[in-house]
Structure formats: structure tokens, C-alpha cells
Amino acid sequence: MAEGKVNDGRWAPWWVYVVLIVGSNLIKQYFIGGKVSDVANVAITVAMVGVLIVVITAVYRSMFAARRG
């Protein structure tokens, strides 16, 4: 890992993605766990992770841009 790497503002810290994705998955499983097929569960999870990555990155970039400007 590059401990000394300066954040260029393109990506949020890795732990933000992990915490939000794991938390969202736990909430998702609470509501749909066992109610849908395994294939549907995987499809929902993949879609959810994709959306979360886009949203987290967009919010982080807008916050980083606001600090710069």
C-alpha cells in the first residue's frame, strides 16, 4: 500500500467504500434475505455496489472540488 500517497481528489478513501458497501449489504440482507433466489440476490448486490461506487465518488469529488475552489 502507498501509505504516503497524496490523495488527488478522484477517489474517496478506501474505507468509505468498504463501510458503506458492507452496511448497505447488511441492510439489504435484512429486508430480502431468503425472499429472493440466489441469482437475484447476486444481481441486486452487484447493482447496489455499482450505484454506491458512483454515488460515493460523485459526492466525494464534489466535496473535494468545493474545498479547492
C-alpha atoms as a PDB file:
ATOM      1  CA  MET A   1       0.000   0.000   0.000  1.00  0.00           C
ATOM      2  CA  ALA A   2       1.184   3.503  -0.713  1.00  0.00           C
ATOM      3  CA  GLU A   3       0.906   4.971   2.775  1.00  0.00           C
ATOM      4  CA  GLY A   4       2.473   8.282   1.825  1.00  0.00           C
ATOM      5  CA  LYS A   5       0.480   8.796  -1.375  1.00  0.00           C
ATOM      6  CA  VAL A   6      -1.278  12.152  -1.564  1.00  0.00           C
ATOM      7  CA  ASN A   7      -4.986  11.978  -2.356  1.00  0.00           C
ATOM      8  CA  ASP A   8      -5.627  13.657  -5.704  1.00  0.00           C
ATOM      9  CA  GLY A   9      -9.366  14.014  -5.069  1.00  0.00           C
ATOM     10  CA  ARG A  10     -10.543  11.482  -7.626  1.00  0.00           C
ATOM     11  CA  TRP A  11     -11.408   8.700  -5.197  1.00  0.00           C
ATOM     12  CA  ALA A  12     -12.673   8.661  -1.634  1.00  0.00           C
ATOM     13  CA  PRO A  13     -10.560   6.784   0.918  1.00  0.00           C
ATOM     14  CA  TRP A  14     -10.959   3.011   0.601  1.00  0.00           C
ATOM     15  CA  TRP A  15     -12.610   2.667   3.998  1.00  0.00           C
ATOM     16  CA  VAL A  16     -15.527   4.904   2.955  1.00  0.00           C
ATOM     17  CA  TYR A  17     -16.406   2.455   0.177  1.00  0.00           C
ATOM     18  CA  VAL A  18     -15.995  -0.575   2.451  1.00  0.00           C
ATOM     19  CA  VAL A  19     -18.100   0.794   5.313  1.00  0.00           C
ATOM     20  CA  LEU A  20     -20.958   1.953   3.092  1.00  0.00           C
ATOM     21  CA  ILE A  21     -20.994  -1.165   0.898  1.00  0.00           C
ATOM     22  CA  VAL A  22     -20.898  -3.571   3.862  1.00  0.00           C
ATOM     23  CA  GLY A  23     -23.523  -1.561   5.750  1.00  0.00           C
ATOM     24  CA  SER A  24     -25.812  -1.398   2.723  1.00  0.00           C
ATOM     25  CA  ASN A  25     -25.402  -5.118   2.140  1.00  0.00           C
ATOM     26  CA  LEU A  26     -26.367  -5.887   5.738  1.00  0.00           C
ATOM     27  CA  ILE A  27     -29.483  -3.730   5.412  1.00  0.00           C
ATOM     28  CA  LYS A  28     -30.329  -5.350   2.062  1.00  0.00           C
ATOM     29  CA  GLN A  29     -29.978  -8.832   3.535  1.00  0.00           C
ATOM     30  CA  TYR A  30     -32.236  -7.889   6.447  1.00  0.00           C
ATOM     31  CA  PHE A  31     -35.024  -6.949   4.054  1.00  0.00           C
ATOM     32  CA  ILE A  32     -34.634  -9.513   1.254  1.00  0.00           C
ATOM     33  CA  GLY A  33     -32.568 -12.325   2.767  1.00  0.00           C
ATOM     34  CA  GLY A  34     -34.169 -15.640   1.859  1.00  0.00           C
ATOM     35  CA  LYS A  35     -37.051 -13.998  -0.003  1.00  0.00           C
ATOM     36  CA  VAL A  36     -35.417 -13.989  -3.447  1.00  0.00           C
ATOM     37  CA  SER A  37     -33.353 -16.520  -5.339  1.00  0.00           C
ATOM     38  CA  ASP A  38     -29.577 -16.555  -5.038  1.00  0.00           C
ATOM     39  CA  VAL A  39     -29.203 -15.301  -8.617  1.00  0.00           C
ATOM     40  CA  ALA A  40     -31.490 -12.333  -7.923  1.00  0.00           C
ATOM     41  CA  ASN A  41     -29.629 -11.612  -4.689  1.00  0.00           C
ATOM     42  CA  VAL A  42     -26.289 -11.521  -6.524  1.00  0.00           C
ATOM     43  CA  ALA A  43     -27.744  -9.296  -9.261  1.00  0.00           C
ATOM     44  CA  ILE A  44     -29.160  -6.883  -6.673  1.00  0.00           C
ATOM     45  CA  THR A  45     -25.830  -6.825  -4.827  1.00  0.00           C
ATOM     46  CA  VAL A  46     -23.813  -6.116  -7.990  1.00  0.00           C
ATOM     47  CA  ALA A  47     -26.196  -3.318  -8.995  1.00  0.00           C
ATOM     48  CA  MET A  48     -26.165  -1.871  -5.477  1.00  0.00           C
ATOM     49  CA  VAL A  49     -22.345  -1.867  -5.302  1.00  0.00           C
ATOM     50  CA  GLY A  50     -22.110  -0.208  -8.715  1.00  0.00           C
ATOM     51  CA  VAL A  51     -24.536   2.533  -7.738  1.00  0.00           C
ATOM     52  CA  LEU A  52     -22.807   3.064  -4.386  1.00  0.00           C
ATOM     53  CA  ILE A  53     -19.394   3.419  -6.015  1.00  0.00           C
ATOM     54  CA  VAL A  54     -20.726   6.018  -8.455  1.00  0.00           C
ATOM     55  CA  VAL A  55     -22.589   7.957  -5.740  1.00  0.00           C
ATOM     56  CA  ILE A  56     -19.735   7.884  -3.206  1.00  0.00           C
ATOM     57  CA  THR A  57     -17.252   9.008  -5.840  1.00  0.00           C
ATOM     58  CA  ALA A  58     -19.527  11.794  -7.124  1.00  0.00           C
ATOM     59  CA  VAL A  59     -20.188  13.120  -3.623  1.00  0.00           C
ATOM     60  CA  TYR A  60     -16.511  12.938  -2.668  1.00  0.00           C
ATOM     61  CA  ARG A  61     -15.398  14.693  -5.841  1.00  0.00           C
ATOM     62  CA  SER A  62     -17.941  17.477  -5.328  1.00  0.00           C
ATOM     63  CA  MET A  63     -16.751  17.916  -1.733  1.00  0.00           C
ATOM     64  CA  PHE A  64     -13.097  17.909  -2.795  1.00  0.00           C
ATOM     65  CA  ALA A  65     -13.794  20.426  -5.583  1.00  0.00           C
ATOM     66  CA  ALA A  66     -15.611  22.700  -3.147  1.00  0.00           C
ATOM     67  CA  ARG A  67     -12.570  22.699  -0.845  1.00  0.00           C
ATOM     68  CA  ARG A  68     -10.247  23.598  -3.717  1.00  0.00           C
ATOM     69  CA  GLY A  69     -12.374  26.344  -5.233  1.00  0.00           C
END
